Amino acid sequence: MPEDSILEVRGLRKVYRVRASRADPGPAGSALLGHPLARRQRARALVAVDDVSFSVAPGQSLAVVGESGSGKTTVARMVVGLERPTGGTIWVSGQERSWRHVTSRERRRRAREVQIIFQDPYSSLDPRMSVRGCLDESLRLHFDWGRERRDARVAELLDQVGLDRRQAESLPRALSGGQRQRVAIARALASEPRVLICDEAVASLDVSIQAQVLNLLSDIRDATGVSYLFISHDLAVVRQVSDNVVIMRRGRVVEAGPTASVLSDPSNGYTKQLLAAIPRPGWKPTRSASPDES
């Protein structure tokens, strides 16, 4: 792993075994289903990620971009440890992440290095636990601290993401979407990670709230030096938050480089298609003609 990288991914691959559905063969086909070839055909390989490589330097923001089904979220889940790679290697802070015989203690150590923020903060928060309780629980999991020190750290996290004392005592259902995402960010920061993965973290927010959260993430990076792995389909967001970008299609990297260069002068046809799909100022949706009008 290069010394100037906090996260290094090489040849990452993920293959799922998908059991194909089959119709009732009837009496005539019953013998055929017992044939070895028929058994092999009932399970097929779905390659979700194929030979993906990239690196992230300390304090850097890398965006992984692609349409739904491109494999970008699967990459994020493998980096954070929610999915086991079929092949390839992942290094974090100079240590290779092996998936053999991982103890609970090792999982907690890894969680302190890499955290993830999901698209839907409500589903990732305990609806019965207050914001303060959520943050305190994360601190108790990762640090052997007393109550006083945890309370001080909770107050610091709340201030860092722009939440007040009233909101700290609220349950998730009493908060807006933007406020819940701020809670999710604070919880991820509680373990003091080196890498923070944002998996479509602003996709479900209104445009004005998106801007607030993106500015917050930028301020946090400046203050803490955390590195970002930003998973997104929105090139406008990517342009704002990332230093470098990786474009994925059908599980593979089709283009990569500095964000400004890739988005201003793309070399791959698929990247050009993504850029062409961005609505321009003054763009108006066109209504398809109905059968009666055509």
C-alpha atoms as a PDB file:
ATOM      1  CA  MET A   1       0.000   0.000   0.000  1.00  0.00           C
ATOM      2  CA  PRO A   2       1.399   3.450  -0.901  1.00  0.00           C
ATOM      3  CA  GLU A   3       2.481   5.465   2.121  1.00  0.00           C
ATOM      4  CA  ASP A   4       0.423   8.473   1.013  1.00  0.00           C
ATOM      5  CA  SER A   5      -2.888   6.540   0.996  1.00  0.00           C
ATOM      6  CA  ILE A   6      -5.289   6.079   3.894  1.00  0.00           C
ATOM      7  CA  LEU A   7      -7.471   3.724   1.818  1.00  0.00           C
ATOM      8  CA  GLU A   8      -6.231   1.482  -0.978  1.00  0.00           C
ATOM      9  CA  VAL A   9      -8.417  -0.879  -3.023  1.00  0.00           C
ATOM     10  CA  ARG A  10      -6.890  -3.241  -5.577  1.00  0.00           C
ATOM     11  CA  GLY A  11      -8.663  -5.652  -7.930  1.00  0.00           C
ATOM     12  CA  LEU A  12     -11.851  -5.686  -5.866  1.00  0.00           C
ATOM     13  CA  ARG A  13     -14.396  -8.231  -7.064  1.00  0.00           C
ATOM     14  CA  LYS A  14     -17.799  -9.388  -5.844  1.00  0.00           C
ATOM     15  CA  VAL A  15     -19.722 -12.287  -7.323  1.00  0.00           C
ATOM     16  CA  TYR A  16     -23.147 -13.339  -6.066  1.00  0.00           C
ATOM     17  CA  ARG A  17     -24.543 -16.804  -6.637  1.00  0.00           C
ATOM     18  CA  VAL A  18     -28.129 -16.369  -7.797  1.00  0.00           C
ATOM     19  CA  ARG A  19     -30.476 -19.325  -7.868  1.00  0.00           C
ATOM     20  CA  ALA A  20     -32.419 -19.201 -11.118  1.00  0.00           C
ATOM     21  CA  SER A  21     -36.155 -19.803 -10.846  1.00  0.00           C
ATOM     22  CA  ARG A  22     -37.462 -22.778 -12.768  1.00  0.00           C
ATOM     23  CA  ALA A  23     -40.919 -23.779 -13.923  1.00  0.00           C
ATOM     24  CA  ASP A  24     -42.462 -27.131 -13.051  1.00  0.00           C
ATOM     25  CA  PRO A  25     -40.905 -29.505 -15.640  1.00  0.00           C
ATOM     26  CA  GLY A  26     -43.696 -32.071 -15.385  1.00  0.00           C
ATOM     27  CA  PRO A  27     -43.161 -35.815 -15.472  1.00  0.00           C
ATOM     28  CA  ALA A  28     -41.235 -35.726 -18.743  1.00  0.00           C
ATOM     29  CA  GLY A  29     -38.656 -33.271 -17.393  1.00  0.00           C
ATOM     30  CA  SER A  30     -38.162 -34.748 -13.937  1.00  0.00           C
ATOM     31  CA  ALA A  31     -35.233 -36.883 -15.041  1.00  0.00           C
ATOM     32  CA  LEU A  32     -33.577 -33.916 -16.741  1.00  0.00           C
ATOM     33  CA  LEU A  33     -33.477 -31.922 -13.493  1.00  0.00           C
ATOM     34  CA  GLY A  34     -31.324 -34.637 -11.961  1.00  0.00           C
ATOM     35  CA  HIS A  35     -28.710 -34.269 -14.669  1.00  0.00           C
ATOM     36  CA  PRO A  36     -25.427 -32.583 -13.436  1.00  0.00           C
ATOM     37  CA  LEU A  37     -25.615 -29.971 -16.204  1.00  0.00           C
ATOM     38  CA  ALA A  38     -29.156 -29.023 -15.143  1.00  0.00           C
ATOM     39  CA  ARG A  39     -27.999 -28.590 -11.533  1.00  0.00           C
ATOM     40  CA  ARG A  40     -25.219 -26.231 -12.621  1.00  0.00           C
ATOM     41  CA  GLN A  41     -27.661 -24.172 -14.645  1.00  0.00           C
ATOM     42  CA  ARG A  42     -29.976 -23.631 -11.684  1.00  0.00           C
ATOM     43  CA  ALA A  43     -27.391 -21.361 -10.019  1.00  0.00           C
ATOM     44  CA  ARG A  44     -25.724 -18.594 -11.989  1.00  0.00           C
ATOM     45  CA  ALA A  45     -22.986 -16.099 -11.160  1.00  0.00           C
ATOM     46  CA  LEU A  46     -23.869 -12.413 -10.970  1.00  0.00           C
ATOM     47  CA  VAL A  47     -20.727 -10.246 -11.122  1.00  0.00           C
ATOM     48  CA  ALA A  48     -21.566  -7.056  -9.208  1.00  0.00           C
ATOM     49  CA  VAL A  49     -18.024  -5.648  -8.985  1.00  0.00           C
ATOM     50  CA  ASP A  50     -15.160  -6.611 -11.278  1.00  0.00           C
ATOM     51  CA  ASP A  51     -11.508  -5.538 -10.870  1.00  0.00           C
ATOM     52  CA  VAL A  52     -12.106  -2.165  -9.171  1.00  0.00           C
ATOM     53  CA  SER A  53      -9.041  -0.268  -7.931  1.00  0.00           C
ATOM     54  CA  PHE A  54      -8.561   3.189  -6.404  1.00  0.00           C
ATOM     55  CA  SER A  55      -6.799   4.974  -3.555  1.00  0.00           C
ATOM     56  CA  VAL A  56      -7.719   7.798  -1.197  1.00  0.00           C
ATOM     57  CA  ALA A  57      -5.119  10.046   0.407  1.00  0.00           C
ATOM     58  CA  PRO A  58      -5.503  11.446   3.951  1.00  0.00           C
ATOM     59  CA  GLY A  59      -7.956  14.326   3.931  1.00  0.00           C
ATOM     60  CA  GLN A  60      -8.977  13.639   0.340  1.00  0.00           C
ATOM     61  CA  SER A  61     -12.473  13.127  -1.065  1.00  0.00           C
ATOM     62  CA  LEU A  62     -13.014  10.489  -3.749  1.00  0.00           C
ATOM     63  CA  ALA A  63     -16.371  10.079  -5.479  1.00  0.00           C
ATOM     64  CA  VAL A  64     -17.540   6.792  -6.988  1.00  0.00           C
ATOM     65  CA  VAL A  65     -20.210   7.531  -9.583  1.00  0.00           C
ATOM     66  CA  GLY A  66     -22.563   5.408 -11.624  1.00  0.00           C
ATOM     67  CA  GLU A  67     -26.147   4.551 -12.362  1.00  0.00           C
ATOM     68  CA  SER A  68     -28.223   2.238 -10.204  1.00  0.00           C
ATOM     69  CA  GLY A  69     -26.776  -1.253 -10.542  1.00  0.00           C
ATOM     70  CA  SER A  70     -23.282  -0.050 -11.449  1.00  0.00           C
ATOM     71  CA  GLY A  71     -21.787  -1.663  -8.328  1.00  0.00           C
ATOM     72  CA  LYS A  72     -20.824   1.523  -6.506  1.00  0.00           C
ATOM     73  CA  THR A  73     -22.780   0.759  -3.310  1.00  0.00           C
ATOM     74  CA  THR A  74     -21.447  -2.805  -3.271  1.00  0.00           C
ATOM     75  CA  VAL A  75     -17.927  -1.334  -3.311  1.00  0.00           C
ATOM     76  CA  ALA A  76     -18.811   0.863  -0.325  1.00  0.00           C
ATOM     77  CA  ARG A  77     -20.271  -2.069   1.600  1.00  0.00           C
ATOM     78  CA  MET A  78     -17.128  -4.123   1.027  1.00  0.00           C
ATOM     79  CA  VAL A  79     -14.869  -1.298   2.172  1.00  0.00           C
ATOM     80  CA  VAL A  80     -16.838  -0.814   5.395  1.00  0.00           C
ATOM     81  CA  GLY A  81     -17.061  -4.566   6.004  1.00  0.00           C
ATOM     82  CA  LEU A  82     -20.756  -5.237   5.376  1.00  0.00           C
ATOM     83  CA  GLU A  83     -19.950  -7.442   2.379  1.00  0.00           C
ATOM     84  CA  ARG A  84     -17.132  -9.951   1.944  1.00  0.00           C
ATOM     85  CA  PRO A  85     -15.177  -9.529  -1.321  1.00  0.00           C
ATOM     86  CA  THR A  86     -14.887 -12.469  -3.673  1.00  0.00           C
ATOM     87  CA  GLY A  87     -11.419 -11.251  -4.654  1.00  0.00           C
ATOM     88  CA  GLY A  88      -9.040  -8.326  -4.372  1.00  0.00           C
ATOM     89  CA  THR A  89      -7.505  -6.515  -1.405  1.00  0.00           C
ATOM     90  CA  ILE A  90      -8.401  -3.566   0.814  1.00  0.00           C
ATOM     91  CA  TRP A  91      -5.889  -1.663   2.938  1.00  0.00           C
ATOM     92  CA  VAL A  92      -6.869   0.891   5.578  1.00  0.00           C
ATOM     93  CA  SER A  93      -4.201   2.870   7.456  1.00  0.00           C
ATOM     94  CA  GLY A  94      -1.535   0.579   6.017  1.00  0.00           C
ATOM     95  CA  GLN A  95      -3.138  -2.667   7.197  1.00  0.00           C
ATOM     96  CA  GLU A  96      -4.681  -5.224   4.894  1.00  0.00           C
ATOM     97  CA  ARG A  97      -8.223  -6.187   5.822  1.00  0.00           C
ATOM     98  CA  SER A  98      -8.561  -9.949   5.876  1.00  0.00           C
ATOM     99  CA  TRP A  99     -12.008 -11.553   6.261  1.00  0.00           C
ATOM    100  CA  ARG A 100     -10.781 -14.743   7.897  1.00  0.00           C
ATOM    101  CA  HIS A 101     -11.555 -15.286  11.590  1.00  0.00           C
ATOM    102  CA  VAL A 102     -12.454 -11.657  12.350  1.00  0.00           C
ATOM    103  CA  THR A 103     -13.183 -11.299  16.078  1.00  0.00           C
ATOM    104  CA  SER A 104     -15.705  -8.877  17.573  1.00  0.00           C
ATOM    105  CA  ARG A 105     -12.813  -6.869  18.981  1.00  0.00           C
ATOM    106  CA  GLU A 106     -11.278  -6.581  15.518  1.00  0.00           C
ATOM    107  CA  ARG A 107     -14.640  -5.514  14.072  1.00  0.00           C
ATOM    108  CA  ARG A 108     -14.835  -2.676  16.606  1.00  0.00           C
ATOM    109  CA  ARG A 109     -11.285  -1.614  15.768  1.00  0.00           C
ATOM    110  CA  ARG A 110     -12.127  -1.554  12.080  1.00  0.00           C
ATOM    111  CA  ALA A 111     -15.304   0.408  12.775  1.00  0.00           C
ATOM    112  CA  ARG A 112     -13.176   3.094  14.384  1.00  0.00           C
ATOM    113  CA  GLU A 113     -11.258   3.438  11.114  1.00  0.00           C
ATOM    114  CA  VAL A 114     -14.131   3.413   8.601  1.00  0.00           C
ATOM    115  CA  GLN A 115     -17.713   4.562   9.126  1.00  0.00           C
ATOM    116  CA  ILE A 116     -20.631   4.901   6.712  1.00  0.00           C
ATOM    117  CA  ILE A 117     -23.565   7.301   6.356  1.00  0.00           C
ATOM    118  CA  PHE A 118     -26.539   5.790   4.541  1.00  0.00           C
ATOM    119  CA  GLN A 119     -29.048   7.464   2.244  1.00  0.00           C
ATOM    120  CA  ASP A 120     -31.988   7.012   4.613  1.00  0.00           C
ATOM    121  CA  PRO A 121     -30.984   8.166   8.106  1.00  0.00           C
ATOM    122  CA  TYR A 122     -34.357   7.292   9.654  1.00  0.00           C
ATOM    123  CA  SER A 123     -34.010   3.562   8.962  1.00  0.00           C
ATOM    124  CA  SER A 124     -30.511   3.532  10.461  1.00  0.00           C
ATOM    125  CA  LEU A 125     -31.515   5.257  13.716  1.00  0.00           C
ATOM    126  CA  ASP A 126     -33.237   3.600  16.676  1.00  0.00           C
ATOM    127  CA  PRO A 127     -36.732   5.211  16.737  1.00  0.00           C
ATOM    128  CA  ARG A 128     -36.946   4.687  20.529  1.00  0.00           C
ATOM    129  CA  MET A 129     -33.639   6.383  21.351  1.00  0.00           C
ATOM    130  CA  SER A 130     -33.006  10.106  21.668  1.00  0.00           C
ATOM    131  CA  VAL A 131     -30.257  11.806  19.708  1.00  0.00           C
ATOM    132  CA  ARG A 132     -28.165  12.130  22.867  1.00  0.00           C
ATOM    133  CA  GLY A 133     -28.679   8.457  23.707  1.00  0.00           C
ATOM    134  CA  CYS A 134     -27.702   7.438  20.175  1.00  0.00           C
ATOM    135  CA  LEU A 135     -24.408   9.312  20.352  1.00  0.00           C
ATOM    136  CA  ASP A 136     -23.664   8.154  23.888  1.00  0.00           C
ATOM    137  CA  GLU A 137     -24.233   4.531  22.886  1.00  0.00           C
ATOM    138  CA  SER A 138     -21.697   4.860  20.060  1.00  0.00           C
ATOM    139  CA  LEU A 139     -19.121   6.341  22.419  1.00  0.00           C
ATOM    140  CA  ARG A 140     -19.648   3.569  24.980  1.00  0.00           C
ATOM    141  CA  LEU A 141     -19.102   0.998  22.230  1.00  0.00           C
ATOM    142  CA  HIS A 142     -15.799   2.432  21.037  1.00  0.00           C
ATOM    143  CA  PHE A 143     -14.219   4.082  24.089  1.00  0.00           C
ATOM    144  CA  ASP A 144     -13.665   3.177  27.723  1.00  0.00           C
ATOM    145  CA  TRP A 145     -14.696   6.608  28.963  1.00  0.00           C
ATOM    146  CA  GLY A 146     -16.558   7.800  32.030  1.00  0.00           C
ATOM    147  CA  ARG A 147     -19.914   9.557  31.913  1.00  0.00           C
ATOM    148  CA  GLU A 148     -18.492  13.057  32.213  1.00  0.00           C
ATOM    149  CA  ARG A 149     -16.122  12.649  29.305  1.00  0.00           C
ATOM    150  CA  ARG A 150     -18.826  11.081  27.127  1.00  0.00           C
ATOM    151  CA  ASP A 151     -21.213  13.953  27.884  1.00  0.00           C
ATOM    152  CA  ALA A 152     -18.549  16.456  26.857  1.00  0.00           C
ATOM    153  CA  ARG A 153     -17.908  14.580  23.624  1.00  0.00           C
ATOM    154  CA  VAL A 154     -21.650  14.370  22.848  1.00  0.00           C
ATOM    155  CA  ALA A 155     -21.926  18.147  23.282  1.00  0.00           C
ATOM    156  CA  GLU A 156     -18.941  18.598  20.971  1.00  0.00           C
ATOM    157  CA  LEU A 157     -20.472  16.357  18.292  1.00  0.00           C
ATOM    158  CA  LEU A 158     -23.823  18.133  18.474  1.00  0.00           C
ATOM    159  CA  ASP A 159     -22.115  21.484  18.051  1.00  0.00           C
ATOM    160  CA  GLN A 160     -20.041  20.134  15.169  1.00  0.00           C
ATOM    161  CA  VAL A 161     -23.127  19.152  13.157  1.00  0.00           C
ATOM    162  CA  GLY A 162     -25.243  22.150  14.172  1.00  0.00           C
ATOM    163  CA  LEU A 163     -27.804  20.563  16.532  1.00  0.00           C
ATOM    164  CA  ASP A 164     -29.007  22.243  19.732  1.00  0.00           C
ATOM    165  CA  ARG A 165     -29.919  20.897  23.175  1.00  0.00           C
ATOM    166  CA  ARG A 166     -33.621  20.594  22.392  1.00  0.00           C
ATOM    167  CA  GLN A 167     -32.900  18.476  19.351  1.00  0.00           C
ATOM    168  CA  ALA A 168     -30.464  16.377  21.422  1.00  0.00           C
ATOM    169  CA  GLU A 169     -33.366  15.166  23.588  1.00  0.00           C
ATOM    170  CA  SER A 170     -35.658  14.471  20.612  1.00  0.00           C
ATOM    171  CA  LEU A 171     -36.519  11.141  19.026  1.00  0.00           C
ATOM    172  CA  PRO A 172     -35.784  10.706  15.293  1.00  0.00           C
ATOM    173  CA  ARG A 173     -39.467  11.064  14.321  1.00  0.00           C
ATOM    174  CA  ALA A 174     -39.497  14.603  15.753  1.00  0.00           C
ATOM    175  CA  LEU A 175     -36.664  15.749  13.478  1.00  0.00           C
ATOM    176  CA  SER A 176     -36.614  16.836   9.860  1.00  0.00           C
ATOM    177  CA  GLY A 177     -34.818  14.823   7.184  1.00  0.00           C
ATOM    178  CA  GLY A 178     -31.854  17.188   7.238  1.00  0.00           C
ATOM    179  CA  GLN A 179     -31.627  17.046  11.035  1.00  0.00           C
ATOM    180  CA  ARG A 180     -31.734  13.241  11.013  1.00  0.00           C
ATOM    181  CA  GLN A 181     -28.894  13.186   8.504  1.00  0.00           C
ATOM    182  CA  ARG A 182     -26.907  15.468  10.818  1.00  0.00           C
ATOM    183  CA  VAL A 183     -27.478  12.949  13.612  1.00  0.00           C
ATOM    184  CA  ALA A 184     -26.213  10.173  11.339  1.00  0.00           C
ATOM    185  CA  ILE A 185     -23.100  12.229  10.566  1.00  0.00           C
ATOM    186  CA  ALA A 186     -22.489  12.918  14.265  1.00  0.00           C
ATOM    187  CA  ARG A 187     -22.849   9.229  15.108  1.00  0.00           C
ATOM    188  CA  ALA A 188     -20.375   8.289  12.364  1.00  0.00           C
ATOM    189  CA  LEU A 189     -17.903  10.879  13.643  1.00  0.00           C
ATOM    190  CA  ALA A 190     -18.213   9.642  17.232  1.00  0.00           C
ATOM    191  CA  SER A 191     -15.686   6.852  16.646  1.00  0.00           C
ATOM    192  CA  GLU A 192     -13.210   9.345  15.130  1.00  0.00           C
ATOM    193  CA  PRO A 193     -12.844   7.454  11.810  1.00  0.00           C
ATOM    194  CA  ARG A 194     -10.059   7.980   9.299  1.00  0.00           C
ATOM    195  CA  VAL A 195     -12.444   7.327   6.388  1.00  0.00           C
ATOM    196  CA  LEU A 196     -16.108   8.332   6.171  1.00  0.00           C
ATOM    197  CA  ILE A 197     -18.227   6.728   3.447  1.00  0.00           C
ATOM    198  CA  CYS A 198     -21.230   8.752   2.288  1.00  0.00           C
ATOM    199  CA  ASP A 199     -23.565   6.401   0.405  1.00  0.00           C
ATOM    200  CA  GLU A 200     -25.963   8.736  -1.443  1.00  0.00           C
ATOM    201  CA  ALA A 201     -26.018  10.700   1.804  1.00  0.00           C
ATOM    202  CA  VAL A 202     -27.884  13.710   0.365  1.00  0.00           C
ATOM    203  CA  ALA A 203     -29.920  12.027  -2.384  1.00  0.00           C
ATOM    204  CA  SER A 204     -33.176  12.013  -0.409  1.00  0.00           C
ATOM    205  CA  LEU A 205     -32.916  15.646   0.767  1.00  0.00           C
ATOM    206  CA  ASP A 206     -34.355  18.805  -0.752  1.00  0.00           C
ATOM    207  CA  VAL A 207     -31.874  20.851  -2.797  1.00  0.00           C
ATOM    208  CA  SER A 208     -31.523  23.586  -0.159  1.00  0.00           C
ATOM    209  CA  ILE A 209     -30.958  21.025   2.599  1.00  0.00           C
ATOM    210  CA  GLN A 210     -28.500  19.175   0.357  1.00  0.00           C
ATOM    211  CA  ALA A 211     -26.386  22.313   0.141  1.00  0.00           C
ATOM    212  CA  GLN A 212     -26.383  22.697   3.925  1.00  0.00           C
ATOM    213  CA  VAL A 213     -25.293  19.102   4.504  1.00  0.00           C
ATOM    214  CA  LEU A 214     -22.606  19.282   1.813  1.00  0.00           C
ATOM    215  CA  ASN A 215     -21.226  22.471   3.341  1.00  0.00           C
ATOM    216  CA  LEU A 216     -21.269  20.759   6.744  1.00  0.00           C
ATOM    217  CA  LEU A 217     -19.302  17.800   5.370  1.00  0.00           C
ATOM    218  CA  SER A 218     -16.782  20.175   3.826  1.00  0.00           C
ATOM    219  CA  ASP A 219     -16.329  22.010   7.139  1.00  0.00           C
ATOM    220  CA  ILE A 220     -15.894  18.696   8.992  1.00  0.00           C
ATOM    221  CA  ARG A 221     -13.214  17.584   6.554  1.00  0.00           C
ATOM    222  CA  ASP A 222     -11.338  20.849   7.049  1.00  0.00           C
ATOM    223  CA  ALA A 223     -11.602  20.559  10.838  1.00  0.00           C
ATOM    224  CA  THR A 224     -10.802  16.855  11.291  1.00  0.00           C
ATOM    225  CA  GLY A 225      -8.813  15.792   8.223  1.00  0.00           C
ATOM    226  CA  VAL A 226     -11.149  12.844   7.644  1.00  0.00           C
ATOM    227  CA  SER A 227     -11.132  11.294   4.163  1.00  0.00           C
ATOM    228  CA  TYR A 228     -14.379  10.824   2.238  1.00  0.00           C
ATOM    229  CA  LEU A 229     -15.508   8.056  -0.090  1.00  0.00           C
ATOM    230  CA  PHE A 230     -18.561   9.635  -1.688  1.00  0.00           C
ATOM    231  CA  ILE A 231     -20.994   7.270  -3.434  1.00  0.00           C
ATOM    232  CA  SER A 232     -23.330   9.178  -5.733  1.00  0.00           C
ATOM    233  CA  HIS A 233     -25.156   9.270  -9.048  1.00  0.00           C
ATOM    234  CA  ASP A 234     -25.389  13.080  -9.000  1.00  0.00           C
ATOM    235  CA  LEU A 235     -22.516  14.683 -10.919  1.00  0.00           C
ATOM    236  CA  ALA A 236     -23.467  18.144  -9.684  1.00  0.00           C
ATOM    237  CA  VAL A 237     -22.921  16.972  -6.107  1.00  0.00           C
ATOM    238  CA  VAL A 238     -19.726  15.150  -7.084  1.00  0.00           C
ATOM    239  CA  ARG A 239     -18.303  18.294  -8.656  1.00  0.00           C
ATOM    240  CA  GLN A 240     -18.821  20.135  -5.367  1.00  0.00           C
ATOM    241  CA  VAL A 241     -17.475  17.604  -2.872  1.00  0.00           C
ATOM    242  CA  SER A 242     -14.754  15.471  -4.487  1.00  0.00           C
ATOM    243  CA  ASP A 243     -11.111  15.911  -5.455  1.00  0.00           C
ATOM    244  CA  ASN A 244     -11.026  12.773  -7.604  1.00  0.00           C
ATOM    245  CA  VAL A 245     -13.720  10.667  -9.239  1.00  0.00           C
ATOM    246  CA  VAL A 246     -14.172   7.071 -10.360  1.00  0.00           C
ATOM    247  CA  ILE A 247     -16.869   6.346 -12.957  1.00  0.00           C
ATOM    248  CA  MET A 248     -18.368   2.846 -12.804  1.00  0.00           C
ATOM    249  CA  ARG A 249     -20.548   0.958 -15.253  1.00  0.00           C
ATOM    250  CA  ARG A 250     -21.748  -2.631 -14.893  1.00  0.00           C
ATOM    251  CA  GLY A 251     -19.337  -3.321 -12.069  1.00  0.00           C
ATOM    252  CA  ARG A 252     -16.200  -1.977 -13.740  1.00  0.00           C
ATOM    253  CA  VAL A 253     -14.287   1.308 -13.697  1.00  0.00           C
ATOM    254  CA  VAL A 254     -14.573   3.012 -17.085  1.00  0.00           C
ATOM    255  CA  GLU A 255     -12.855   6.305 -16.227  1.00  0.00           C
ATOM    256  CA  ALA A 256     -10.995   7.839 -13.277  1.00  0.00           C
ATOM    257  CA  GLY A 257      -9.009  10.957 -12.483  1.00  0.00           C
ATOM    258  CA  PRO A 258      -9.216  14.446 -10.976  1.00  0.00           C
ATOM    259  CA  THR A 259     -12.854  15.515 -10.784  1.00  0.00           C
ATOM    260  CA  ALA A 260     -12.362  18.803 -12.630  1.00  0.00           C
ATOM    261  CA  SER A 261     -10.568  17.091 -15.525  1.00  0.00           C
ATOM    262  CA  VAL A 262     -12.953  14.147 -15.868  1.00  0.00           C
ATOM    263  CA  LEU A 263     -16.100  16.270 -15.755  1.00  0.00           C
ATOM    264  CA  SER A 264     -14.790  19.026 -18.035  1.00  0.00           C
ATOM    265  CA  ASP A 265     -13.124  16.788 -20.625  1.00  0.00           C
ATOM    266  CA  PRO A 266     -14.325  13.166 -20.303  1.00  0.00           C
ATOM    267  CA  SER A 267     -12.662  10.546 -22.482  1.00  0.00           C
ATOM    268  CA  ASN A 268     -15.188   7.727 -22.053  1.00  0.00           C
ATOM    269  CA  GLY A 269     -18.488   7.682 -23.918  1.00  0.00           C
ATOM    270  CA  TYR A 270     -20.443   6.587 -20.852  1.00  0.00           C
ATOM    271  CA  THR A 271     -19.121   9.548 -18.839  1.00  0.00           C
ATOM    272  CA  LYS A 272     -20.182  11.837 -21.662  1.00  0.00           C
ATOM    273  CA  GLN A 273     -23.681  10.332 -21.523  1.00  0.00           C
ATOM    274  CA  LEU A 274     -23.909  10.981 -17.776  1.00  0.00           C
ATOM    275  CA  LEU A 275     -22.859  14.595 -18.263  1.00  0.00           C
ATOM    276  CA  ALA A 276     -25.291  15.061 -21.131  1.00  0.00           C
ATOM    277  CA  ALA A 277     -28.140  13.843 -18.888  1.00  0.00           C
ATOM    278  CA  ILE A 278     -27.661  16.686 -16.383  1.00  0.00           C
ATOM    279  CA  PRO A 279     -30.502  19.244 -16.762  1.00  0.00           C
ATOM    280  CA  ARG A 280     -29.199  22.621 -17.963  1.00  0.00           C
ATOM    281  CA  PRO A 281     -30.501  26.062 -16.948  1.00  0.00           C
ATOM    282  CA  GLY A 282     -33.764  26.695 -18.734  1.00  0.00           C
ATOM    283  CA  TRP A 283     -34.354  23.000 -19.356  1.00  0.00           C
ATOM    284  CA  LYS A 284     -38.027  22.004 -19.424  1.00  0.00           C
ATOM    285  CA  PRO A 285     -39.336  18.433 -19.392  1.00  0.00           C
ATOM    286  CA  THR A 286     -41.119  17.387 -22.562  1.00  0.00           C
ATOM    287  CA  ARG A 287     -44.406  15.508 -22.451  1.00  0.00           C
ATOM    288  CA  SER A 288     -44.552  12.327 -24.485  1.00  0.00           C
ATOM    289  CA  ALA A 289     -47.364  12.236 -26.983  1.00  0.00           C
ATOM    290  CA  SER A 290     -50.271   9.956 -26.120  1.00  0.00           C
ATOM    291  CA  PRO A 291     -51.390   7.290 -28.609  1.00  0.00           C
ATOM    292  CA  ASP A 292     -54.356   9.496 -29.576  1.00  0.00           C
ATOM    293  CA  GLU A 293     -52.053  12.447 -30.325  1.00  0.00           C
ATOM    294  CA  SER A 294     -49.529  10.497 -32.394  1.00  0.00           C
END
